[in-house]
Amino acid sequence: MDDTPGAPRRFAPEKARAVASAFDLRRLPADFYADPFPYYHALRDHDPVRRMPDGSYFLTRYDDVVAVYRDAKAFSSDKKVEFRPKYGESLLYEHHTTSLVFNDPPLHTRVRRLIMGALTQRAIAAMEPDLVALVDGLLDRCAAKGECDLIEDFAAAIPIEIIGNLLGVPRAERGPLRGWSLAILGALEPVLTPEQFERGNRSVREMLEYLAVLVADRRRHPGDPEKDVLTRLIQGEADGERLTETELLQNCIFILNAGHETTTNLIGNGLVALLEWPGEKRRLVAHPELIRTAVEEFLRFESSNQLGNRITTRPVEVGGVTMPAGTPITMCIGAANRDPAQFPDPDRMDIAREPNRHLAFGFGIHQCAGMNLARLEGRVAIGRFLARFPRYELAGEPVRGGRARFRGFLSVPARVDG
């Protein structure tokens, strides 16, 4: 029986041209959230450097996205100007303009160096035994019930524990972290509702209040800076300046959020994609040694983070289009990772795909500082889940997160064969 998924949904040529010419990131059609890839293909074919009604540009070609990533001086990550109309004088504005990902050097350099000092390959390798024990414990609980939610009971529980350990958040105090994270990152959507704005600001305030107490305690009782990211951020470099209190607290929020949401999506998206591609699922079950390339393919095929942003600092040319200084740019990571010019047969999931130069972790100086930790979490979580439950299946309709920037699920009910 041929159980290969059918041809990916594509718009007919005339429809694709019309879709591309009308595309507006601030007015997305309802079906975009479930399956944005036909829109990405239409844009890449007919308007790859798409000028939006608000004057910004939307990039869908791999080479154009890489070109922007490469030149951090011409394409700034600083969001102080761009976010002012969206957030005003708010805690969301303070957070998103202070965190590592939305800054240029020198702040970006200082914070990234401190984080990377606690995320060495040796430090990450030392985390694996505890990660395996955590995953196996979650699998035991799923097996005991015979069913689980792949997100709530499994995917989301893993990065919360790992990042909680890195920052030394007491286990009994980790309950609110996921809700805070979803609210703060949800406020990054292209269109922000009043409810999202209020929820995001409240979450930043509550996280700051919690972290202020945690930081004060860590100052009194420092941990090992080679393993404890929070201690390392507090102490700074031995011969360099330290972070201000605002920079410290806001980047703790960033670490919790960045390490949680994207890794949750990697694990959840990967497990659902395998159900949609049963031949690849059987292949990975039969050849578990393919888990490394499989995780890279999950990252490419269903990129956790679909969109990135920059603003031009001088007149530039991208994909043959001239842009003045001060032009906002949206880099569509999800589209770049399905570009046939870079990835043969891009809408086919191939767990052994090599080479696989996807952009799920970004590129250049802003490449994700925690990418190797995320890869380890993905390999251990998905690999051990498949080994334990090779015949798992859906027990209900998965619920998408309903967001354009972060692609993942809120809920995936499943039956397991434990």
Protein backbone atom coordinates (compact mmCIF):
# COMPACT_ATOMS: atom_id res chain seq x y z
CA MET A 1 0.00 0.00 0.00
CA ASP A 2 1.35 3.42 -0.92
CA ASP A 3 1.04 5.58 2.18
CA THR A 4 3.19 8.46 0.94
CA PRO A 5 1.40 11.78 1.45
CA GLY A 6 -0.13 13.31 -1.65
CA ALA A 7 1.30 16.25 -3.53
CA PRO A 8 1.65 19.35 -1.37
CA ARG A 9 -1.06 21.95 -1.74
CA ARG A 10 -0.12 24.56 -4.32
CA PHE A 11 -2.15 27.34 -5.86
CA ALA A 12 -2.89 27.15 -9.58
CA PRO A 13 -0.64 29.53 -11.55
CA GLU A 14 -3.17 32.35 -11.95
CA LYS A 15 -4.32 32.00 -8.35
CA ALA A 16 -0.72 31.99 -7.14
CA ARG A 17 0.00 35.24 -8.97
CA ALA A 18 -3.07 36.87 -7.43
CA VAL A 19 -2.21 35.56 -3.96
CA ALA A 20 1.33 36.95 -4.20
CA SER A 21 0.19 40.38 -5.38
CA ALA A 22 -2.32 40.68 -2.51
CA PHE A 23 -0.22 39.21 0.30
CA ASP A 24 -0.16 41.31 3.47
CA LEU A 25 1.43 39.99 6.66
CA ARG A 26 -0.96 42.13 8.69
CA ARG A 27 -4.05 40.65 7.01
CA LEU A 28 -3.40 36.95 6.75
CA PRO A 29 -6.14 34.61 5.49
CA ALA A 30 -7.49 32.06 7.97
CA ASP A 31 -6.00 29.04 6.15
CA PHE A 32 -2.48 30.52 6.28
CA TYR A 33 -2.00 29.48 9.91
CA ALA A 34 -2.63 25.79 9.21
CA ASP A 35 -0.59 25.67 6.02
CA PRO A 36 1.44 28.75 5.03
CA PHE A 37 3.59 26.94 2.50
CA PRO A 38 1.40 27.47 -0.61
CA TYR A 39 1.57 31.20 0.13
CA TYR A 40 5.34 31.01 0.49
CA HIS A 41 5.67 29.20 -2.83
CA ALA A 42 3.42 31.74 -4.57
CA LEU A 43 5.46 34.64 -3.20
CA ARG A 44 8.80 33.05 -4.07
CA ASP A 45 7.62 32.36 -7.64
CA HIS A 46 5.93 35.70 -8.32
CA ASP A 47 7.07 38.33 -5.79
CA PRO A 48 10.08 37.07 -3.80
CA VAL A 49 10.97 40.54 -2.48
CA ARG A 50 7.43 41.55 -1.67
CA ARG A 51 6.77 45.18 -0.70
CA MET A 52 4.04 45.27 1.93
CA PRO A 53 1.40 47.99 2.16
CA ASP A 54 3.22 49.40 5.21
CA GLY A 55 6.45 49.84 3.22
CA SER A 56 8.31 46.86 4.69
CA TYR A 57 9.63 43.96 2.61
CA PHE A 58 8.93 40.22 2.91
CA LEU A 59 11.68 37.86 1.69
CA THR A 60 11.02 34.25 0.69
CA ARG A 61 14.16 33.14 -1.20
CA TYR A 62 16.92 31.31 0.65
CA ASP A 63 19.76 33.32 -0.87
CA ASP A 64 18.12 36.66 -0.04
CA VAL A 65 17.50 35.65 3.57
CA VAL A 66 21.11 34.48 3.96
CA ALA A 67 22.39 37.74 2.45
CA VAL A 68 20.53 39.71 5.12
CA TYR A 69 21.77 37.44 7.91
CA ARG A 70 25.36 37.81 6.69
CA ASP A 71 25.50 41.61 6.94
CA ALA A 72 24.69 42.56 10.53
CA LYS A 73 25.90 46.13 9.98
CA ALA A 74 23.63 46.91 7.04
CA PHE A 75 20.69 44.97 8.51
CA SER A 76 20.19 45.80 12.18
CA SER A 77 18.42 43.65 14.77
CA ASP A 78 17.77 46.63 17.05
CA LYS A 79 14.01 47.08 17.47
CA LYS A 80 13.78 50.33 19.43
CA VAL A 81 12.34 52.33 16.52
CA GLU A 82 10.23 49.53 15.03
CA PHE A 83 8.61 48.43 18.30
CA ARG A 84 7.76 51.89 19.67
CA PRO A 85 4.45 52.26 17.76
CA LYS A 86 3.49 48.68 18.58
CA TYR A 87 4.24 48.61 22.32
CA GLY A 88 4.58 52.26 23.40
CA GLU A 89 6.06 52.83 26.87
CA SER A 90 5.36 49.36 28.20
CA LEU A 91 7.09 46.44 29.83
CA LEU A 92 6.81 44.54 26.55
CA TYR A 93 8.74 47.33 24.86
CA GLU A 94 11.43 47.29 27.55
CA HIS A 95 11.74 43.51 27.33
CA HIS A 96 11.84 43.08 23.56
CA THR A 97 14.29 45.97 23.07
CA THR A 98 16.68 44.72 25.76
CA SER A 99 16.80 40.98 25.03
CA LEU A 100 19.68 39.40 23.15
CA VAL A 101 17.82 38.56 19.96
CA PHE A 102 16.64 42.10 19.26
CA ASN A 103 19.94 43.89 19.77
CA ASP A 104 23.16 44.66 17.95
CA PRO A 105 26.69 44.67 19.32
CA PRO A 106 27.97 45.62 21.84
CA LEU A 107 25.05 44.49 24.08
CA HIS A 108 24.43 41.46 21.89
CA THR A 109 28.10 40.49 22.02
CA ARG A 110 28.32 40.80 25.81
CA VAL A 111 25.20 38.78 26.56
CA ARG A 112 25.87 36.09 23.95
CA ARG A 113 29.43 35.55 25.19
CA LEU A 114 28.20 35.06 28.74
CA ILE A 115 25.51 32.58 27.69
CA MET A 116 27.82 30.63 25.39
CA GLY A 117 30.34 30.30 28.21
CA ALA A 118 27.83 28.10 30.06
CA LEU A 119 26.69 26.22 26.93
CA THR A 120 29.95 24.64 25.85
CA GLN A 121 29.89 21.25 24.13
CA ARG A 122 31.23 19.68 27.33
CA ALA A 123 28.52 21.30 29.44
CA ILE A 124 25.80 20.20 27.02
CA ALA A 125 27.11 16.63 26.90
CA ALA A 126 27.03 16.55 30.70
CA MET A 127 23.30 17.32 30.59
CA GLU A 128 22.42 14.22 28.59
CA PRO A 129 22.05 11.68 31.46
CA ASP A 130 19.59 13.93 33.32
CA LEU A 131 17.76 14.64 30.06
CA VAL A 132 17.41 10.91 29.36
CA ALA A 133 16.05 10.34 32.87
CA LEU A 134 13.56 13.20 32.45
CA VAL A 135 12.33 11.90 29.08
CA ASP A 136 12.01 8.33 30.35
CA GLY A 137 10.00 9.51 33.33
CA LEU A 138 7.58 11.37 31.04
CA LEU A 139 7.30 8.28 28.81
CA ASP A 140 6.53 6.12 31.86
CA ARG A 141 3.63 8.41 32.76
CA CYS A 142 2.29 8.30 29.20
CA ALA A 143 2.55 4.50 29.14
CA ALA A 144 0.67 4.20 32.42
CA LYS A 145 -2.27 6.14 30.94
CA GLY A 146 -2.12 4.61 27.46
CA GLU A 147 -2.58 8.09 26.01
CA CYS A 148 -1.10 11.56 26.33
CA ASP A 149 -1.02 15.02 24.89
CA LEU A 150 2.19 15.16 22.89
CA ILE A 151 2.59 18.83 23.78
CA GLU A 152 1.39 19.29 27.36
CA ASP A 153 2.51 15.90 28.68
CA PHE A 154 5.73 15.59 26.73
CA ALA A 155 7.19 18.22 24.36
CA ALA A 156 6.55 21.27 26.55
CA ALA A 157 7.68 19.55 29.76
CA ILE A 158 11.22 18.92 28.51
CA PRO A 159 12.67 22.38 27.71
CA ILE A 160 11.02 23.92 30.79
CA GLU A 161 13.02 21.51 32.96
CA ILE A 162 16.26 21.96 31.01
CA ILE A 163 16.15 25.77 31.00
CA GLY A 164 14.92 25.74 34.59
CA ASN A 165 18.02 23.74 35.49
CA LEU A 166 20.32 26.09 33.57
CA LEU A 167 19.00 29.11 35.45
CA GLY A 168 18.59 27.24 38.73
CA VAL A 169 14.84 27.82 39.00
CA PRO A 170 13.56 25.64 41.86
CA ARG A 171 11.47 22.79 40.43
CA ALA A 172 8.44 23.66 42.55
CA GLU A 173 8.41 27.18 41.07
CA ARG A 174 8.39 26.27 37.35
CA GLY A 175 4.62 26.01 36.93
CA PRO A 176 3.95 29.51 35.54
CA LEU A 177 6.91 29.55 33.12
CA ARG A 178 5.12 28.10 30.08
CA GLY A 179 2.13 30.44 30.35
CA TRP A 180 4.39 33.48 30.75
CA SER A 181 6.46 32.42 27.77
CA LEU A 182 3.49 31.88 25.44
CA ALA A 183 2.04 35.27 26.35
CA ILE A 184 5.26 37.23 25.86
CA LEU A 185 6.18 35.56 22.57
CA GLY A 186 2.56 35.76 21.37
CA ALA A 187 2.89 39.54 21.55
CA LEU A 188 5.43 39.35 18.70
CA GLU A 189 2.75 38.43 16.17
CA PRO A 190 2.42 40.83 13.19
CA VAL A 191 -0.96 42.03 14.50
CA LEU A 192 -1.33 42.54 18.26
CA THR A 193 -4.77 42.41 19.87
CA PRO A 194 -5.53 44.40 23.06
CA GLU A 195 -5.90 41.10 24.91
CA GLN A 196 -2.47 39.88 23.74
CA PHE A 197 -0.93 43.22 24.72
CA GLU A 198 -2.42 43.10 28.23
CA ARG A 199 -1.51 39.43 28.74
CA GLY A 200 2.04 39.97 27.49
CA ASN A 201 2.66 42.97 29.74
CA ARG A 202 1.26 41.17 32.75
CA SER A 203 3.51 38.19 32.06
CA VAL A 204 6.64 40.37 31.77
CA ARG A 205 5.75 42.07 35.07
CA GLU A 206 5.19 38.77 36.87
CA MET A 207 8.40 37.28 35.46
CA LEU A 208 10.42 40.34 36.50
CA GLU A 209 9.01 40.16 40.02
CA TYR A 210 9.86 36.47 40.24
CA LEU A 211 13.35 36.82 38.74
CA ALA A 212 14.27 39.75 40.99
CA VAL A 213 13.87 37.43 43.98
CA LEU A 214 15.73 34.58 42.24
CA VAL A 215 18.64 36.86 41.26
CA ALA A 216 18.92 38.32 44.75
CA ASP A 217 19.16 34.80 46.19
CA ARG A 218 21.78 33.79 43.59
CA ARG A 219 23.87 36.83 44.43
CA ARG A 220 23.95 35.60 48.03
CA HIS A 221 24.49 31.95 47.02
CA PRO A 222 26.32 31.78 43.66
CA GLY A 223 26.30 28.59 41.62
CA ASP A 224 28.98 27.15 39.35
CA PRO A 225 29.35 29.68 36.48
CA GLU A 226 30.52 26.87 34.19
CA LYS A 227 27.04 25.30 34.45
CA ASP A 228 24.75 27.92 35.95
CA VAL A 229 23.85 30.53 33.32
CA LEU A 230 22.28 32.86 35.86
CA THR A 231 25.43 32.98 38.01
CA ARG A 232 27.48 33.61 34.89
CA LEU A 233 25.22 36.48 33.81
CA ILE A 234 25.38 38.00 37.30
CA GLN A 235 29.14 37.78 37.61
CA GLY A 236 29.91 38.89 34.06
CA GLU A 237 33.36 38.50 32.52
CA ALA A 238 36.30 38.59 34.91
CA ASP A 239 37.88 41.54 33.06
CA GLY A 240 34.77 43.06 31.47
CA GLU A 241 31.74 45.12 32.39
CA ARG A 242 28.68 43.50 33.89
CA LEU A 243 25.09 43.66 32.75
CA THR A 244 22.83 46.25 34.30
CA GLU A 245 19.99 44.91 36.45
CA THR A 246 17.49 45.57 33.63
CA GLU A 247 19.70 43.83 31.04
CA LEU A 248 20.19 40.89 33.40
CA LEU A 249 16.51 40.35 34.23
CA GLN A 250 15.24 40.88 30.68
CA ASN A 251 17.77 38.45 29.22
CA CYS A 252 16.81 35.85 31.82
CA ILE A 253 13.27 36.16 30.46
CA PHE A 254 14.65 35.82 26.93
CA ILE A 255 16.57 32.63 27.81
CA LEU A 256 13.50 31.06 29.40
CA ASN A 257 11.31 31.96 26.43
CA ALA A 258 13.72 31.17 23.62
CA GLY A 259 14.77 27.85 25.12
CA HIS A 260 11.20 26.79 25.76
CA GLU A 261 8.96 27.69 22.82
CA THR A 262 11.15 26.69 19.90
CA THR A 263 12.24 23.36 21.40
CA THR A 264 8.66 22.49 22.32
CA ASN A 265 7.73 23.12 18.69
CA LEU A 266 10.67 21.08 17.37
CA ILE A 267 9.59 18.01 19.35
CA GLY A 268 5.86 18.42 18.74
CA ASN A 269 6.21 19.25 15.04
CA GLY A 270 8.57 16.32 14.52
CA LEU A 271 6.26 13.76 16.13
CA VAL A 272 3.24 15.01 14.16
CA ALA A 273 5.18 15.16 10.88
CA LEU A 274 6.19 11.52 11.31
CA LEU A 275 2.52 10.57 11.57
CA GLU A 276 1.86 12.49 8.35
CA TRP A 277 4.77 10.70 6.65
CA PRO A 278 4.35 7.10 7.83
CA GLY A 279 7.03 5.77 5.49
CA GLU A 280 9.58 8.07 7.10
CA LYS A 281 8.30 7.08 10.54
CA ARG A 282 8.86 3.37 9.78
CA ARG A 283 12.27 4.24 8.37
CA LEU A 284 13.33 6.05 11.54
CA VAL A 285 11.98 3.28 13.77
CA ALA A 286 13.96 0.72 11.77
CA HIS A 287 17.08 2.92 11.64
CA PRO A 288 17.29 4.92 14.87
CA GLU A 289 20.81 5.98 13.92
CA LEU A 290 19.14 8.43 11.51
CA ILE A 291 17.86 10.54 14.41
CA ARG A 292 20.54 13.22 13.89
CA THR A 293 19.63 13.92 10.28
CA ALA A 294 15.94 13.44 11.12
CA VAL A 295 16.05 16.27 13.69
CA GLU A 296 17.69 18.55 11.12
CA GLU A 297 14.91 17.69 8.67
CA PHE A 298 12.19 18.41 11.24
CA LEU A 299 13.84 21.79 11.80
CA ARG A 300 13.83 22.51 8.07
CA PHE A 301 10.46 21.04 7.15
CA GLU A 302 8.42 22.60 9.98
CA SER A 303 10.62 25.40 11.27
CA SER A 304 9.71 26.32 14.83
CA ASN A 305 10.46 29.98 14.15
CA GLN A 306 9.04 31.04 10.79
CA LEU A 307 9.87 34.75 10.69
CA GLY A 308 12.81 37.01 11.51
CA ASN A 309 13.14 40.79 11.26
CA ARG A 310 15.78 43.37 10.44
CA ILE A 311 15.88 47.08 9.59
CA THR A 312 18.27 48.62 7.08
CA THR A 313 20.89 51.05 8.41
CA ARG A 314 21.86 52.39 4.97
CA PRO A 315 20.63 52.13 1.38
CA VAL A 316 20.93 48.50 0.28
CA GLU A 317 19.96 46.17 -2.52
CA VAL A 318 18.28 42.83 -1.76
CA GLY A 319 17.29 40.44 -4.52
CA GLY A 320 17.57 43.20 -7.10
CA VAL A 321 15.39 45.64 -5.13
CA THR A 322 16.87 48.88 -3.74
CA MET A 323 15.76 49.83 -0.23
CA PRO A 324 16.49 53.07 1.65
CA ALA A 325 17.88 53.25 5.18
CA GLY A 326 15.23 52.57 7.81
CA THR A 327 13.37 49.93 5.79
CA PRO A 328 11.90 47.07 7.89
CA ILE A 329 12.48 43.58 6.46
CA THR A 330 10.79 40.30 7.36
CA MET A 331 12.88 37.25 6.53
CA CYS A 332 10.62 34.24 6.02
CA ILE A 333 12.66 31.38 7.45
CA GLY A 334 9.85 28.91 6.74
CA ALA A 335 9.86 29.86 3.05
CA ALA A 336 13.66 29.86 2.75
CA ASN A 337 13.70 26.34 4.19
CA ARG A 338 11.35 25.19 1.41
CA ASP A 339 13.22 26.92 -1.43
CA PRO A 340 13.79 24.40 -4.28
CA ALA A 341 16.92 26.32 -5.31
CA GLN A 342 18.54 25.10 -2.07
CA PHE A 343 16.58 21.95 -1.16
CA PRO A 344 15.67 19.41 -3.87
CA ASP A 345 12.01 18.36 -3.62
CA PRO A 346 11.56 20.73 -0.64
CA ASP A 347 7.99 19.69 0.24
CA ARG A 348 9.03 16.09 0.79
CA MET A 349 10.20 15.15 4.27
CA ASP A 350 13.40 13.10 4.02
CA ILE A 351 14.85 12.11 7.40
CA ALA A 352 18.22 11.31 5.80
CA ARG A 353 18.47 14.56 3.81
CA GLU A 354 22.06 15.71 3.38
CA PRO A 355 23.28 18.34 2.96
CA ASN A 356 20.68 20.24 4.93
CA ARG A 357 21.76 23.86 5.39
CA HIS A 358 18.47 25.00 6.91
CA LEU A 359 18.03 28.36 8.60
CA ALA A 360 15.89 27.24 11.53
CA PHE A 361 18.51 28.56 13.96
CA GLY A 362 19.25 31.67 11.92
CA PHE A 363 22.68 32.45 10.53
CA GLY A 364 25.63 34.71 11.30
CA ILE A 365 26.22 36.52 14.58
CA HIS A 366 22.61 35.98 15.68
CA GLN A 367 22.60 32.22 15.12
CA CYS A 368 20.80 30.64 18.09
CA ALA A 369 23.14 30.39 21.09
CA GLY A 370 21.29 27.32 22.35
CA MET A 371 21.02 25.42 19.07
CA ASN A 372 23.18 22.47 20.13
CA LEU A 373 21.20 22.08 23.32
CA ALA A 374 17.96 22.16 21.32
CA ARG A 375 19.34 19.52 18.97
CA LEU A 376 20.23 17.28 21.91
CA GLU A 377 16.73 17.70 23.37
CA GLY A 378 15.17 16.88 20.01
CA ARG A 379 17.30 13.78 19.46
CA VAL A 380 16.74 12.36 22.94
CA ALA A 381 13.03 13.21 23.12
CA ILE A 382 11.98 12.01 19.66
CA GLY A 383 14.40 9.10 19.52
CA ARG A 384 13.35 7.65 22.87
CA PHE A 385 9.66 8.33 22.20
CA LEU A 386 9.83 6.29 18.97
CA ALA A 387 11.79 3.50 20.62
CA ARG A 388 9.15 3.26 23.35
CA PHE A 389 6.01 3.89 21.28
CA PRO A 390 6.70 2.95 17.64
CA ARG A 391 2.98 2.57 16.90
CA TYR A 392 1.71 5.79 18.46
CA GLU A 393 -1.21 7.46 16.69
CA LEU A 394 -3.48 10.46 16.98
CA ALA A 395 -6.41 10.21 19.38
CA GLY A 396 -8.03 13.45 18.22
CA GLU A 397 -7.49 16.49 16.03
CA PRO A 398 -4.25 18.41 16.73
CA VAL A 399 -4.75 22.06 17.65
CA ARG A 400 -2.37 24.51 15.99
CA GLY A 401 -1.00 27.47 17.90
CA GLY A 402 -2.63 29.90 15.47
CA ARG A 403 0.44 32.07 15.08
CA ALA A 404 2.44 33.19 12.06
CA ARG A 405 5.83 33.69 13.70
CA PHE A 406 6.06 30.53 15.79
CA ARG A 407 4.81 27.32 14.17
CA GLY A 408 3.69 24.63 16.54
CA PHE A 409 0.78 22.98 18.30
CA LEU A 410 -1.09 23.77 21.48
CA SER A 411 -2.45 20.24 21.80
CA VAL A 412 -1.91 16.86 20.10
CA PRO A 413 -3.91 14.04 21.71
CA ALA A 414 -2.29 10.65 21.07
CA ARG A 415 -2.59 6.98 21.92
CA VAL A 416 0.60 5.20 22.80
CA ASP A 417 1.44 1.52 22.62
CA GLY A 418 3.28 1.14 25.91
